[in-house]
Amino acid sequence: MFPASAQTSVSPAAAACPDCGVIRTLKRVEGGDKPAILQERKGPSGLVANIPLDGSKPTVGSSTDLSREQKPATVTYEVVVRLEDGRLRLVVQDDVGAMRVGDKVKIEQGRVVPRTK
């Protein structure tokens, strides 16, 4: 057992909703599978040959054509929430809707959602 001076008190609000808090930071993070070398090049950089192992016809093309095949960049959001008991939680999710820094929120099933109360 801890001495009384070492115990921390939790506010009634924090005890009632341990996953409630306020958004401290909201950061948009863009990432993708597109290689950086293809993002920087403006002109053709060479040829690419595709030689199938099944005996079908090989194809040849410009290496800049590869950039058209890349997946679009993915966007996620890093949301830091200061919980009512003082802890900080980082949640990464695909969308934040209309939520902004300072909004009162709740963390439900690993996602930050606006608090209804």
Protein backbone atom coordinates (compact mmCIF):
# COMPACT_ATOMS: atom_id res chain seq x y z
CA MET A 1 0.00 0.00 0.00
CA PHE A 2 1.22 3.50 -0.80
CA PRO A 3 1.37 6.30 1.75
CA ALA A 4 -1.42 8.84 1.43
CA SER A 5 1.01 11.50 0.18
CA ALA A 6 2.09 9.29 -2.75
CA GLN A 7 -1.45 8.57 -3.95
CA THR A 8 -2.83 10.77 -6.72
CA SER A 9 -6.38 11.97 -6.61
CA VAL A 10 -8.55 11.62 -9.69
CA SER A 11 -11.26 14.15 -10.36
CA PRO A 12 -14.85 12.87 -10.34
CA ALA A 13 -15.14 13.74 -14.05
CA ALA A 14 -12.04 11.67 -14.89
CA ALA A 15 -13.37 8.76 -12.85
CA ALA A 16 -16.75 8.97 -14.61
CA CYS A 17 -15.22 9.03 -18.11
CA PRO A 18 -11.62 7.75 -18.15
CA ASP A 19 -11.40 8.06 -21.95
CA CYS A 20 -12.65 11.66 -22.18
CA GLY A 21 -10.40 14.63 -22.80
CA VAL A 22 -9.46 17.57 -25.02
CA ILE A 23 -7.61 17.53 -28.34
CA ARG A 24 -4.13 19.01 -27.75
CA THR A 25 -2.64 18.53 -31.23
CA LEU A 26 -3.94 17.42 -34.58
CA LYS A 27 -1.43 16.56 -37.30
CA ARG A 28 -2.16 15.55 -40.89
CA VAL A 29 0.34 12.94 -42.12
CA GLU A 30 0.67 12.16 -45.80
CA GLY A 31 2.37 8.98 -46.87
CA GLY A 32 2.35 6.70 -49.83
CA ASP A 33 4.11 4.03 -51.76
CA LYS A 34 5.48 6.37 -54.43
CA PRO A 35 9.28 6.31 -54.33
CA ALA A 36 10.88 9.69 -53.65
CA ILE A 37 13.04 9.37 -56.78
CA LEU A 38 9.92 9.38 -58.96
CA GLN A 39 8.45 12.37 -57.15
CA GLU A 40 11.49 14.52 -57.92
CA ARG A 41 12.05 13.69 -61.59
CA LYS A 42 10.52 15.94 -64.22
CA GLY A 43 11.59 14.17 -67.42
CA PRO A 44 12.20 10.63 -68.63
CA SER A 45 14.80 8.71 -66.70
CA GLY A 46 15.24 5.58 -68.79
CA LEU A 47 13.60 2.44 -70.05
CA VAL A 48 11.93 -0.36 -68.16
CA ALA A 49 11.57 -3.85 -69.58
CA ASN A 50 8.99 -6.31 -68.30
CA ILE A 51 9.87 -9.89 -69.25
CA PRO A 52 7.16 -12.32 -68.09
CA LEU A 53 8.27 -15.79 -66.99
CA ASP A 54 5.23 -17.44 -68.56
CA GLY A 55 6.54 -16.92 -72.12
CA SER A 56 4.13 -14.12 -73.04
CA LYS A 57 5.28 -11.05 -74.95
CA PRO A 58 7.75 -8.73 -73.13
CA THR A 59 6.90 -5.03 -72.85
CA VAL A 60 9.16 -1.98 -72.84
CA GLY A 61 8.33 1.53 -71.66
CA SER A 62 9.54 4.68 -70.01
CA SER A 63 10.31 4.51 -66.30
CA THR A 64 8.16 7.62 -65.78
CA ASP A 65 5.14 5.47 -66.68
CA LEU A 66 5.67 3.65 -63.40
CA SER A 67 4.50 6.71 -61.47
CA ARG A 68 1.03 6.33 -63.00
CA GLU A 69 0.76 2.87 -61.47
CA GLN A 70 1.54 4.03 -57.95
CA LYS A 71 -1.18 4.17 -55.33
CA PRO A 72 -2.29 7.67 -54.33
CA ALA A 73 -0.78 9.01 -51.14
CA THR A 74 -2.60 7.95 -48.00
CA VAL A 75 -3.60 10.58 -45.47
CA THR A 76 -3.89 9.85 -41.77
CA TYR A 77 -4.24 12.09 -38.73
CA GLU A 78 -2.27 11.90 -35.50
CA VAL A 79 -4.47 13.16 -32.68
CA VAL A 80 -3.03 13.81 -29.22
CA VAL A 81 -5.70 13.92 -26.51
CA ARG A 82 -5.09 15.11 -22.94
CA LEU A 83 -7.37 12.95 -20.85
CA GLU A 84 -9.16 14.38 -17.84
CA ASP A 85 -6.84 12.47 -15.49
CA GLY A 86 -3.81 14.22 -17.07
CA ARG A 87 -2.54 11.39 -19.27
CA LEU A 88 -1.81 11.95 -22.97
CA ARG A 89 -3.01 9.52 -25.64
CA LEU A 90 -1.93 9.41 -29.29
CA VAL A 91 -4.51 8.07 -31.73
CA VAL A 92 -3.91 7.63 -35.46
CA GLN A 93 -7.01 7.58 -37.65
CA ASP A 94 -8.07 8.18 -41.25
CA ASP A 95 -10.51 11.04 -40.69
CA VAL A 96 -11.15 13.68 -38.03
CA GLY A 97 -14.29 15.24 -39.50
CA ALA A 98 -14.84 18.74 -38.12
CA MET A 99 -12.84 18.17 -34.91
CA ARG A 100 -10.25 20.81 -34.03
CA VAL A 101 -7.67 21.49 -31.32
CA GLY A 102 -9.47 22.31 -28.06
CA ASP A 103 -12.56 20.20 -28.81
CA LYS A 104 -13.86 17.93 -26.06
CA VAL A 105 -13.65 14.34 -27.23
CA LYS A 106 -13.86 10.73 -26.16
CA ILE A 107 -11.73 7.79 -27.31
CA GLU A 108 -14.00 4.91 -28.37
CA GLN A 109 -12.70 1.67 -29.89
CA GLY A 110 -9.35 3.29 -30.71
CA ARG A 111 -10.88 6.34 -32.45
CA VAL A 112 -11.32 9.93 -31.32
CA VAL A 113 -14.97 11.03 -31.51
CA PRO A 114 -16.71 14.25 -30.42
CA ARG A 115 -18.14 14.07 -26.91
CA THR A 116 -21.92 14.21 -26.85
CA LYS A 117 -22.28 15.57 -23.30
